[in-house]
Amino acid sequence: MNKAIKKAQDVYTKYGDDLDKVLAKEDIEVLELPLAGRFKEIYFGDYIILKNTLSPEEKRELTAHALAHHYLHAGSHYAAAKKIYTFSNYHERQANVFAAYLLIPDEKLEKVLYPDIPIKEIAEKFDVRPKFAGFRLELHNVRKEMVRST
């Protein structure tokens, strides 16, 4: 996961968390379409296709997720509703970590962390869903523990 974190930090340093700026620089167009079935996001080449009924926060998260595939993986990728991500599904996990670090970078997260901050407040601050903010906070805590134990 260090590769995903490093790449997210590099992209953030270069462009910030302005996804429109990143997309323009990479010449990637986002299309919102009425995707059928379980599909929520599809990335291939110059396009990210998002299901048009998603919340703005989920669209932001999935755009960052698709950008991870752009930067880290060859070929096309998709995300489906209720898909279970496991450690054995390395590319998906890596894309989720990249998205979390791009949208909620360490320097900004540490500025808003204080004892007992509600996850909902972190989510609102970064325009993501509470579930996504919770995932990012878990990554932050795990990384802190790893540093502390070395």
Protein backbone atom coordinates (compact mmCIF):
# COMPACT_ATOMS: atom_id res chain seq x y z
CA MET A 1 0.00 0.00 0.00
CA ASN A 2 2.99 2.29 0.35
CA LYS A 3 3.04 2.71 -3.44
CA ALA A 4 -0.58 3.92 -3.41
CA ILE A 5 0.08 6.30 -0.51
CA LYS A 6 3.21 7.72 -2.15
CA LYS A 7 1.46 8.22 -5.48
CA ALA A 8 -1.52 9.92 -3.80
CA GLN A 9 0.85 12.21 -1.93
CA ASP A 10 2.70 13.03 -5.18
CA VAL A 11 -0.55 13.84 -6.99
CA TYR A 12 -1.77 15.92 -4.05
CA THR A 13 1.52 17.85 -3.92
CA LYS A 14 1.29 18.55 -7.63
CA TYR A 15 -2.44 19.33 -7.98
CA GLY A 16 -4.01 19.46 -4.53
CA ASP A 17 -7.31 17.67 -3.98
CA ASP A 18 -9.02 19.49 -6.85
CA LEU A 19 -10.15 16.50 -8.91
CA ASP A 20 -11.18 18.70 -11.85
CA LYS A 21 -7.61 19.98 -12.07
CA VAL A 22 -6.19 16.45 -11.96
CA LEU A 23 -8.65 15.22 -14.59
CA ALA A 24 -7.88 18.14 -16.91
CA LYS A 25 -4.13 17.66 -16.58
CA GLU A 26 -4.46 13.93 -17.30
CA ASP A 27 -6.96 14.58 -20.12
CA ILE A 28 -9.58 12.31 -18.56
CA GLU A 29 -13.27 13.02 -19.01
CA VAL A 30 -15.92 12.03 -16.47
CA LEU A 31 -19.26 10.94 -17.88
CA GLU A 32 -22.33 10.42 -15.71
CA LEU A 33 -24.63 7.82 -17.21
CA PRO A 34 -27.55 5.66 -16.06
CA LEU A 35 -25.48 2.52 -15.54
CA ALA A 36 -27.57 -0.61 -15.19
CA GLY A 37 -27.29 -3.19 -12.46
CA ARG A 38 -24.55 -3.09 -9.88
CA PHE A 39 -22.10 -0.92 -11.82
CA LYS A 40 -21.13 2.33 -10.10
CA GLU A 41 -17.87 3.33 -11.79
CA ILE A 42 -15.93 2.25 -14.85
CA TYR A 43 -12.47 3.47 -15.83
CA PHE A 44 -10.97 2.92 -19.24
CA GLY A 45 -8.29 5.01 -20.87
CA ASP A 46 -9.50 8.57 -21.22
CA TYR A 47 -12.86 8.13 -19.48
CA ILE A 48 -14.32 7.60 -16.05
CA ILE A 49 -17.98 6.67 -16.21
CA LEU A 50 -20.02 7.17 -13.04
CA LYS A 51 -23.54 6.06 -12.30
CA ASN A 52 -25.58 9.25 -12.51
CA THR A 53 -27.66 8.54 -9.40
CA LEU A 54 -24.73 8.52 -6.96
CA SER A 55 -24.36 11.21 -4.31
CA PRO A 56 -21.82 13.98 -4.98
CA GLU A 57 -19.63 12.54 -2.21
CA GLU A 58 -19.63 9.05 -3.71
CA LYS A 59 -18.89 10.47 -7.17
CA ARG A 60 -15.89 12.27 -5.67
CA GLU A 61 -14.67 9.11 -3.97
CA LEU A 62 -15.10 6.94 -7.07
CA THR A 63 -13.42 9.52 -9.30
CA ALA A 64 -10.38 9.45 -7.01
CA HIS A 65 -10.58 5.64 -6.97
CA ALA A 66 -10.57 5.55 -10.79
CA LEU A 67 -7.63 7.96 -10.88
CA ALA A 68 -5.73 5.43 -8.79
CA HIS A 69 -6.26 2.86 -11.51
CA HIS A 70 -5.07 5.44 -14.05
CA TYR A 71 -1.85 6.10 -12.13
CA LEU A 72 -1.13 2.64 -10.75
CA HIS A 73 -2.67 -0.05 -12.96
CA ALA A 74 -2.79 -0.92 -16.63
CA GLY A 75 -6.11 -1.63 -18.30
CA SER A 76 -9.74 -0.96 -17.54
CA HIS A 77 -11.35 -1.27 -14.12
CA TYR A 78 -14.83 -1.04 -12.66
CA ALA A 79 -16.52 -0.85 -9.28
CA ALA A 80 -19.82 -2.53 -8.58
CA ALA A 81 -22.30 -1.91 -5.82
CA LYS A 82 -21.95 -4.19 -2.79
CA LYS A 83 -18.63 -5.51 -4.03
CA ILE A 84 -16.60 -6.95 -1.21
CA TYR A 85 -13.02 -5.72 -1.20
CA THR A 86 -10.54 -8.12 0.31
CA PHE A 87 -6.81 -8.09 0.75
CA SER A 88 -6.63 -10.63 -2.06
CA ASN A 89 -8.16 -8.04 -4.40
CA TYR A 90 -4.98 -5.97 -4.32
CA HIS A 91 -5.73 -3.46 -7.09
CA GLU A 92 -9.07 -2.49 -5.58
CA ARG A 93 -7.62 -2.13 -2.11
CA GLN A 94 -4.73 -0.09 -3.51
CA ALA A 95 -7.16 2.19 -5.37
CA ASN A 96 -9.20 2.73 -2.20
CA VAL A 97 -6.07 3.65 -0.24
CA PHE A 98 -4.95 6.04 -2.98
CA ALA A 99 -8.37 7.72 -3.03
CA ALA A 100 -8.40 8.06 0.77
CA TYR A 101 -4.97 9.71 0.86
CA LEU A 102 -5.69 11.97 -2.11
CA LEU A 103 -9.01 13.26 -0.80
CA ILE A 104 -7.95 13.36 2.86
CA PRO A 105 -4.19 14.00 2.93
CA ASP A 106 -2.26 13.57 6.17
CA GLU A 107 -1.53 17.27 6.61
CA LYS A 108 -5.22 18.23 6.41
CA LEU A 109 -6.43 15.27 8.45
CA GLU A 110 -4.06 16.01 11.31
CA LYS A 111 -5.30 19.62 11.45
CA VAL A 112 -8.89 18.53 12.10
CA LEU A 113 -8.22 15.60 14.42
CA TYR A 114 -8.96 16.18 18.05
CA PRO A 115 -10.28 13.82 20.72
CA ASP A 116 -13.71 12.43 19.99
CA ILE A 117 -14.25 14.18 16.64
CA PRO A 118 -17.28 12.58 15.02
CA ILE A 119 -16.64 10.73 11.75
CA LYS A 120 -19.56 12.67 10.26
CA GLU A 121 -17.71 15.93 10.89
CA ILE A 122 -14.57 14.63 9.13
CA ALA A 123 -16.74 13.46 6.21
CA GLU A 124 -18.37 16.86 5.86
CA LYS A 125 -15.01 18.65 6.03
CA PHE A 126 -13.63 16.60 3.12
CA ASP A 127 -16.83 16.14 1.06
CA VAL A 128 -16.87 12.37 1.44
CA ARG A 129 -19.26 9.87 3.01
CA PRO A 130 -18.83 8.91 6.68
CA LYS A 131 -17.91 5.34 5.69
CA PHE A 132 -15.07 6.66 3.53
CA ALA A 133 -13.89 9.04 6.29
CA GLY A 134 -13.91 6.11 8.72
CA PHE A 135 -11.79 4.05 6.33
CA ARG A 136 -9.28 6.91 6.06
CA LEU A 137 -9.16 7.30 9.82
CA GLU A 138 -8.47 3.57 10.19
CA LEU A 139 -5.58 3.90 7.73
CA HIS A 140 -4.25 6.85 9.70
CA ASN A 141 -4.40 4.95 13.00
CA VAL A 142 -2.81 1.80 11.57
CA ARG A 143 0.03 3.81 10.06
CA LYS A 144 0.59 5.65 13.35
CA GLU A 145 0.78 2.30 15.18
CA MET A 146 3.26 0.94 12.65
CA VAL A 147 5.51 3.99 13.08
CA ARG A 148 5.21 3.80 16.87
CA SER A 149 6.17 0.10 16.93
CA THR A 150 9.34 0.55 14.86
